[in-house]
C-alpha atoms as a PDB file:
ATOM      1  CA  UNK A   1      -6.872   7.351  15.333  1.00  0.00           C
ATOM      2  CA  UNK A   2     -10.310   9.361  14.499  1.00  0.00           C
ATOM      3  CA  UNK A   3     -12.012   7.576  11.827  1.00  0.00           C
ATOM      4  CA  UNK A   4     -14.724  10.185  11.840  1.00  0.00           C
ATOM      5  CA  UNK A   5     -12.598  12.817   9.851  1.00  0.00           C
ATOM      6  CA  UNK A   6     -11.964  10.403   7.236  1.00  0.00           C
ATOM      7  CA  UNK A   7     -14.211   7.526   7.680  1.00  0.00           C
ATOM      8  CA  UNK A   8     -13.743   4.206   5.134  1.00  0.00           C
ATOM      9  CA  UNK A   9     -15.966   3.681   2.583  1.00  0.00           C
ATOM     10  CA  UNK A  10     -17.547   0.295   3.140  1.00  0.00           C
ATOM     11  CA  UNK A  11     -14.989  -0.718   0.219  1.00  0.00           C
ATOM     12  CA  UNK A  12     -12.335   0.088   2.040  1.00  0.00           C
ATOM     13  CA  UNK A  13     -13.156  -1.270   4.851  1.00  0.00           C
ATOM     14  CA  UNK A  14     -13.736  -4.561   3.588  1.00  0.00           C
ATOM     15  CA  UNK A  15      -9.677  -4.540   2.155  1.00  0.00           C
ATOM     16  CA  UNK A  16      -8.568  -3.457   5.894  1.00  0.00           C
ATOM     17  CA  UNK A  17     -10.737  -6.284   7.188  1.00  0.00           C
ATOM     18  CA  UNK A  18      -8.797  -8.672   4.731  1.00  0.00           C
ATOM     19  CA  UNK A  19      -5.393  -7.196   6.170  1.00  0.00           C
ATOM     20  CA  UNK A  20      -6.221  -7.235   9.597  1.00  0.00           C
ATOM     21  CA  UNK A  21      -7.212 -10.792   8.862  1.00  0.00           C
ATOM     22  CA  UNK A  22      -3.497 -11.183   7.863  1.00  0.00           C
ATOM     23  CA  UNK A  23      -1.662  -9.775  10.848  1.00  0.00           C
ATOM     24  CA  UNK A  24      -1.847  -6.060   9.763  1.00  0.00           C
ATOM     25  CA  UNK A  25      -2.856  -2.975  11.081  1.00  0.00           C
ATOM     26  CA  UNK A  26      -4.236   0.326  10.199  1.00  0.00           C
ATOM     27  CA  UNK A  27      -2.146   2.282  11.753  1.00  0.00           C
ATOM     28  CA  UNK A  28      -2.446   5.582   9.919  1.00  0.00           C
ATOM     29  CA  UNK A  29      -5.501   7.357   8.458  1.00  0.00           C
ATOM     30  CA  UNK A  30      -5.662  10.523   6.182  1.00  0.00           C
ATOM     31  CA  UNK A  31      -7.925  11.770   3.939  1.00  0.00           C
ATOM     32  CA  UNK A  32      -5.817  10.214   0.696  1.00  0.00           C
ATOM     33  CA  UNK A  33      -3.936   7.073   2.136  1.00  0.00           C
ATOM     34  CA  UNK A  34      -4.547   3.766   4.719  1.00  0.00           C
ATOM     35  CA  UNK A  35      -1.389   2.877   6.428  1.00  0.00           C
ATOM     36  CA  UNK A  36      -1.260  -0.983   7.092  1.00  0.00           C
ATOM     37  CA  UNK A  37       1.391  -2.122   9.150  1.00  0.00           C
ATOM     38  CA  UNK A  38       2.172  -5.325  10.083  1.00  0.00           C
ATOM     39  CA  UNK A  39       3.811  -5.496  13.663  1.00  0.00           C
ATOM     40  CA  UNK A  40       5.688  -9.129  12.887  1.00  0.00           C
ATOM     41  CA  UNK A  41       7.557  -8.458   9.773  1.00  0.00           C
ATOM     42  CA  UNK A  42       8.094  -4.860   9.903  1.00  0.00           C
ATOM     43  CA  UNK A  43       5.888  -4.369   6.632  1.00  0.00           C
ATOM     44  CA  UNK A  44       3.942  -1.090   6.026  1.00  0.00           C
ATOM     45  CA  UNK A  45       1.700  -0.873   2.658  1.00  0.00           C
ATOM     46  CA  UNK A  46      -0.359   1.665   1.550  1.00  0.00           C
ATOM     47  CA  UNK A  47      -3.432   1.621   0.123  1.00  0.00           C
ATOM     48  CA  UNK A  48      -4.822   4.313  -2.129  1.00  0.00           C
ATOM     49  CA  UNK A  49      -7.784   6.228  -0.969  1.00  0.00           C
ATOM     50  CA  UNK A  50      -8.739   8.118  -4.234  1.00  0.00           C
ATOM     51  CA  UNK A  51      -8.785   5.017  -6.201  1.00  0.00           C
ATOM     52  CA  UNK A  52     -10.790   2.884  -3.867  1.00  0.00           C
ATOM     53  CA  UNK A  53     -13.577   5.610  -4.509  1.00  0.00           C
ATOM     54  CA  UNK A  54     -13.916   3.315  -8.313  1.00  0.00           C
ATOM     55  CA  UNK A  55     -12.817   0.044  -6.465  1.00  0.00           C
ATOM     56  CA  UNK A  56      -9.910   0.404  -7.670  1.00  0.00           C
ATOM     57  CA  UNK A  57      -7.090  -1.496  -5.568  1.00  0.00           C
ATOM     58  CA  UNK A  58      -3.590   0.554  -6.012  1.00  0.00           C
ATOM     59  CA  UNK A  59      -1.188   0.223  -3.121  1.00  0.00           C
ATOM     60  CA  UNK A  60       2.203   1.439  -2.420  1.00  0.00           C
ATOM     61  CA  UNK A  61       5.306  -0.429  -1.349  1.00  0.00           C
ATOM     62  CA  UNK A  62       8.441   0.035  -0.118  1.00  0.00           C
ATOM     63  CA  UNK A  63      10.827   1.607  -2.406  1.00  0.00           C
ATOM     64  CA  UNK A  64      13.562  -0.873  -1.596  1.00  0.00           C
ATOM     65  CA  UNK A  65      11.754  -3.906  -2.078  1.00  0.00           C
ATOM     66  CA  UNK A  66      14.259  -6.652  -3.099  1.00  0.00           C
ATOM     67  CA  UNK A  67      13.975  -7.771  -6.909  1.00  0.00           C
ATOM     68  CA  UNK A  68      13.398 -11.392  -5.959  1.00  0.00           C
ATOM     69  CA  UNK A  69      10.267 -10.430  -4.327  1.00  0.00           C
ATOM     70  CA  UNK A  70       9.323  -7.612  -7.117  1.00  0.00           C
ATOM     71  CA  UNK A  71       9.433 -10.380  -9.767  1.00  0.00           C
ATOM     72  CA  UNK A  72       7.423 -12.529  -7.248  1.00  0.00           C
ATOM     73  CA  UNK A  73       5.084 -10.078  -6.951  1.00  0.00           C
ATOM     74  CA  UNK A  74       4.917  -9.716 -10.933  1.00  0.00           C
ATOM     75  CA  UNK A  75       4.093 -13.320 -11.577  1.00  0.00           C
ATOM     76  CA  UNK A  76       1.327 -13.404  -9.613  1.00  0.00           C
ATOM     77  CA  UNK A  77      -1.907 -13.167 -11.570  1.00  0.00           C
ATOM     78  CA  UNK A  78      -3.979  -9.904 -10.858  1.00  0.00           C
ATOM     79  CA  UNK A  79      -0.580  -7.758  -9.618  1.00  0.00           C
ATOM     80  CA  UNK A  80       0.783  -5.025 -11.643  1.00  0.00           C
ATOM     81  CA  UNK A  81       4.412  -3.404 -10.167  1.00  0.00           C
ATOM     82  CA  UNK A  82       4.793   0.201 -11.980  1.00  0.00           C
ATOM     83  CA  UNK A  83       8.672   0.336 -12.928  1.00  0.00           C
ATOM     84  CA  UNK A  84       8.202   3.945 -12.124  1.00  0.00           C
ATOM     85  CA  UNK A  85       8.276   5.458  -8.399  1.00  0.00           C
ATOM     86  CA  UNK A  86       5.464   7.234  -7.042  1.00  0.00           C
ATOM     87  CA  UNK A  87       5.772   9.950  -4.701  1.00  0.00           C
ATOM     88  CA  UNK A  88       3.299  11.279  -2.031  1.00  0.00           C
ATOM     89  CA  UNK A  89       3.731  13.347   1.145  1.00  0.00           C
ATOM     90  CA  UNK A  90       1.852  10.917   3.026  1.00  0.00           C
ATOM     91  CA  UNK A  91       4.191   8.026   2.812  1.00  0.00           C
ATOM     92  CA  UNK A  92       5.114   8.994   6.028  1.00  0.00           C
ATOM     93  CA  UNK A  93       7.437   5.480   7.048  1.00  0.00           C
ATOM     94  CA  UNK A  94       9.104   5.490   3.322  1.00  0.00           C
ATOM     95  CA  UNK A  95      12.457   7.138   2.435  1.00  0.00           C
ATOM     96  CA  UNK A  96      12.573  10.484   0.841  1.00  0.00           C
ATOM     97  CA  UNK A  97      14.130  11.707  -2.120  1.00  0.00           C
ATOM     98  CA  UNK A  98      14.260  14.480  -4.554  1.00  0.00           C
ATOM     99  CA  UNK A  99      11.970  14.340  -7.469  1.00  0.00           C
ATOM    100  CA  UNK A 100      11.239  17.685  -9.449  1.00  0.00           C
ATOM    101  CA  UNK A 101      10.873  20.007  -6.749  1.00  0.00           C
ATOM    102  CA  UNK A 102      13.918  21.481  -3.899  1.00  0.00           C
ATOM    103  CA  UNK A 103      12.795  19.541  -1.451  1.00  0.00           C
ATOM    104  CA  UNK A 104      12.819  15.725  -0.657  1.00  0.00           C
ATOM    105  CA  UNK A 105       9.646  13.515  -0.559  1.00  0.00           C
ATOM    106  CA  UNK A 106       8.703   9.936   0.745  1.00  0.00           C
ATOM    107  CA  UNK A 107       8.529   8.076  -2.725  1.00  0.00           C
ATOM    108  CA  UNK A 108       7.007   3.985  -3.342  1.00  0.00           C
ATOM    109  CA  UNK A 109       6.517   1.270  -5.847  1.00  0.00           C
ATOM    110  CA  UNK A 110       3.168   1.313  -7.202  1.00  0.00           C
ATOM    111  CA  UNK A 111       1.548  -2.260  -7.048  1.00  0.00           C
ATOM    112  CA  UNK A 112      -2.038  -2.444  -8.639  1.00  0.00           C
ATOM    113  CA  UNK A 113      -4.338  -5.278  -7.700  1.00  0.00           C
ATOM    114  CA  UNK A 114      -7.184  -6.436  -9.921  1.00  0.00           C
ATOM    115  CA  UNK A 115      -9.432  -7.760  -7.604  1.00  0.00           C
ATOM    116  CA  UNK A 116      -9.668  -8.488  -3.549  1.00  0.00           C
ATOM    117  CA  UNK A 117      -8.213 -12.018  -4.564  1.00  0.00           C
ATOM    118  CA  UNK A 118      -5.371 -10.222  -5.983  1.00  0.00           C
ATOM    119  CA  UNK A 119      -5.282  -7.794  -2.932  1.00  0.00           C
ATOM    120  CA  UNK A 120      -4.814 -10.724  -0.392  1.00  0.00           C
ATOM    121  CA  UNK A 121      -2.230 -12.037  -2.322  1.00  0.00           C
ATOM    122  CA  UNK A 122      -0.017  -9.432  -1.680  1.00  0.00           C
ATOM    123  CA  UNK A 123      -0.178  -8.869   1.566  1.00  0.00           C
ATOM    124  CA  UNK A 124       0.368 -12.794   2.464  1.00  0.00           C
ATOM    125  CA  UNK A 125       3.595 -12.094   0.134  1.00  0.00           C
ATOM    126  CA  UNK A 126       5.114  -9.154   1.409  1.00  0.00           C
ATOM    127  CA  UNK A 127       4.026 -10.659   5.175  1.00  0.00           C
ATOM    128  CA  UNK A 128       6.226 -13.363   4.449  1.00  0.00           C
ATOM    129  CA  UNK A 129       9.106 -11.177   3.406  1.00  0.00           C
END
């Protein structure tokens, strides 16, 4: 992975370090997202980089995450699940569907984290299944 082309900010590096401590790996890095994968649980989560520039933590999780897990995530203080799907071409490990255009594009659920502690809780919950 070429970190020189799209270097992580200090804040992004802190978030990636937390993910690594929880067993995730930085598996893909582009200008707009960081892809974090958990090899044991096969969970992928994306960190949206345009938000991290303002030190806001916005993530994308698999759109087919079970309802029980979504409800549990929503019950954790500091986490909020957006009811609408988000679309982005760099969510390469997620399923595709048509949004407004002709072509299918990967989609996901957006989860906002108010702080680093909430982000850590999200990573733990997703890895636990």
